[in-house]
Amino acid sequence: QVQLVESGGGLVQAGGSLRLSCAASGLIFRLYPMGWHRQAPGKQRELVADISTGGMINYADSVKGRFTISRDNAKNTVYLQMNSLKPEDTAVYYCAVRLPSGRWNYWGQGTQVTVSS
């Protein structure tokens, strides 16, 4: 059974930093692309950053230059380093696995990030 557990969220002032972690189990982690998504109140869930099995990375325009995604296959963990946080980054952040079909699946429970102005 695949399980993803996010951690590292919290309350931070604008301009601050947080590092999110997502620990995966129940799958051969190194074989799957991983992604961080977020959902703000009243908005659709959006893809923030993703990383392929080979380390290729994509970012949403809204976080380029501020967020860094990385993975540690030895620890079955994907990270999201978030710097220069803005109030508009406030959301629940989720990690997910991208299946060969291209669909995202096996969502974690999410971790709340709140950025105060």
Protein backbone atom coordinates (compact mmCIF):
# COMPACT_ATOMS: atom_id res chain seq x y z
CA GLN A 1 0.00 0.00 0.00
CA VAL A 2 1.46 3.31 -1.11
CA GLN A 3 1.62 5.97 1.58
CA LEU A 4 2.89 9.54 1.41
CA VAL A 5 3.39 11.59 4.57
CA GLU A 6 4.07 15.31 4.30
CA SER A 7 5.63 17.40 7.07
CA GLY A 8 7.31 20.74 7.63
CA GLY A 9 4.45 23.17 7.18
CA GLY A 10 3.69 25.98 9.58
CA LEU A 11 3.17 29.69 10.09
CA VAL A 12 5.86 32.03 8.80
CA GLN A 13 6.17 35.72 8.08
CA ALA A 14 6.46 36.99 4.55
CA GLY A 15 10.04 36.68 3.35
CA GLY A 16 10.66 33.63 5.51
CA SER A 17 11.48 30.06 4.58
CA LEU A 18 10.14 26.58 5.15
CA ARG A 19 11.28 23.14 4.07
CA LEU A 20 8.63 20.55 3.35
CA SER A 21 9.33 16.82 3.34
CA CYS A 22 7.35 13.96 1.90
CA ALA A 23 8.24 10.44 2.99
CA ALA A 24 7.04 7.67 0.70
CA SER A 25 6.52 3.98 1.38
CA GLY A 26 4.97 1.03 -0.41
CA LEU A 27 6.54 1.74 -3.79
CA ILE A 28 9.93 1.63 -5.48
CA PHE A 29 10.44 5.35 -4.97
CA ARG A 30 13.31 5.84 -7.41
CA LEU A 31 11.15 4.64 -10.31
CA TYR A 32 8.54 7.39 -10.04
CA PRO A 33 8.42 11.10 -10.78
CA MET A 34 7.25 13.08 -7.77
CA GLY A 35 5.51 16.40 -7.42
CA TRP A 36 4.42 19.03 -4.95
CA HIS A 37 0.99 20.56 -5.40
CA ARG A 38 -0.91 23.14 -3.39
CA GLN A 39 -4.50 24.16 -2.85
CA ALA A 40 -5.52 27.50 -1.43
CA PRO A 41 -9.02 28.11 -0.03
CA GLY A 42 -11.51 28.49 -2.84
CA LYS A 43 -8.98 27.65 -5.51
CA GLN A 44 -8.15 24.60 -7.56
CA ARG A 45 -5.19 22.44 -6.71
CA GLU A 46 -2.14 23.45 -8.73
CA LEU A 47 1.19 21.81 -9.50
CA VAL A 48 4.02 23.75 -7.86
CA ALA A 49 7.05 21.68 -8.80
CA ASP A 50 7.88 18.22 -10.08
CA ILE A 51 11.02 16.13 -10.37
CA SER A 52 11.61 13.19 -12.67
CA THR A 53 13.41 9.98 -11.86
CA GLY A 54 16.48 11.42 -13.57
CA GLY A 55 16.33 14.73 -11.74
CA MET A 56 14.67 16.90 -14.39
CA ILE A 57 12.70 19.63 -12.69
CA ASN A 58 9.81 21.91 -13.57
CA TYR A 59 8.39 24.81 -11.57
CA ALA A 60 5.24 26.84 -11.76
CA ASP A 61 6.02 30.38 -12.88
CA SER A 62 4.75 31.72 -9.56
CA VAL A 63 7.50 29.96 -7.57
CA LYS A 64 10.47 30.00 -9.95
CA GLY A 65 13.57 31.35 -8.27
CA ARG A 66 12.07 30.93 -4.79
CA PHE A 67 11.27 27.21 -4.42
CA THR A 68 13.58 24.24 -4.91
CA ILE A 69 12.42 20.65 -5.25
CA SER A 70 14.80 17.76 -4.59
CA ARG A 71 14.66 14.07 -3.90
CA ASP A 72 16.71 11.58 -1.90
CA ASN A 73 16.08 8.11 -3.28
CA ALA A 74 18.01 6.50 -0.43
CA LYS A 75 15.51 7.99 2.02
CA ASN A 76 12.43 7.65 -0.21
CA THR A 77 11.81 11.33 0.37
CA VAL A 78 11.07 14.39 -1.75
CA TYR A 79 11.64 17.90 -0.43
CA LEU A 80 10.42 21.39 -1.21
CA GLN A 81 12.60 24.24 0.00
CA MET A 82 10.54 27.42 0.00
CA ASN A 83 12.30 30.77 0.32
CA SER A 84 11.07 34.37 0.09
CA LEU A 85 7.59 33.22 0.98
CA LYS A 86 4.65 35.44 0.11
CA PRO A 87 1.13 35.57 1.56
CA GLU A 88 -0.16 34.16 -1.74
CA ASP A 89 1.85 30.98 -1.06
CA THR A 90 -0.59 30.19 1.76
CA ALA A 91 -2.16 26.81 0.99
CA VAL A 92 -2.24 23.16 1.90
CA TYR A 93 0.73 21.51 0.21
CA TYR A 94 0.51 17.93 -1.01
CA CYS A 95 2.98 15.55 -2.56
CA ALA A 96 1.96 12.95 -5.11
CA VAL A 97 3.32 10.24 -7.36
CA ARG A 98 3.06 10.54 -11.12
CA LEU A 99 2.00 7.28 -12.70
CA PRO A 100 3.14 6.13 -16.16
CA SER A 101 -0.24 7.28 -17.48
CA GLY A 102 0.71 10.84 -16.51
CA ARG A 103 -1.91 11.02 -13.81
CA TRP A 104 -1.01 12.10 -10.30
CA ASN A 105 -2.00 9.64 -7.59
CA TYR A 106 -1.40 8.50 -4.00
CA TRP A 107 -1.89 11.91 -2.44
CA GLY A 108 -0.63 12.53 1.07
CA GLN A 109 -2.72 14.17 3.78
CA GLY A 110 -1.17 17.56 3.11
CA THR A 111 0.65 20.07 5.27
CA GLN A 112 -0.61 23.60 5.92
CA VAL A 113 1.61 26.54 5.01
CA THR A 114 0.47 29.96 6.20
CA VAL A 115 2.40 33.10 5.30
CA SER A 116 1.50 36.24 7.20
CA SER A 117 2.03 39.71 5.77
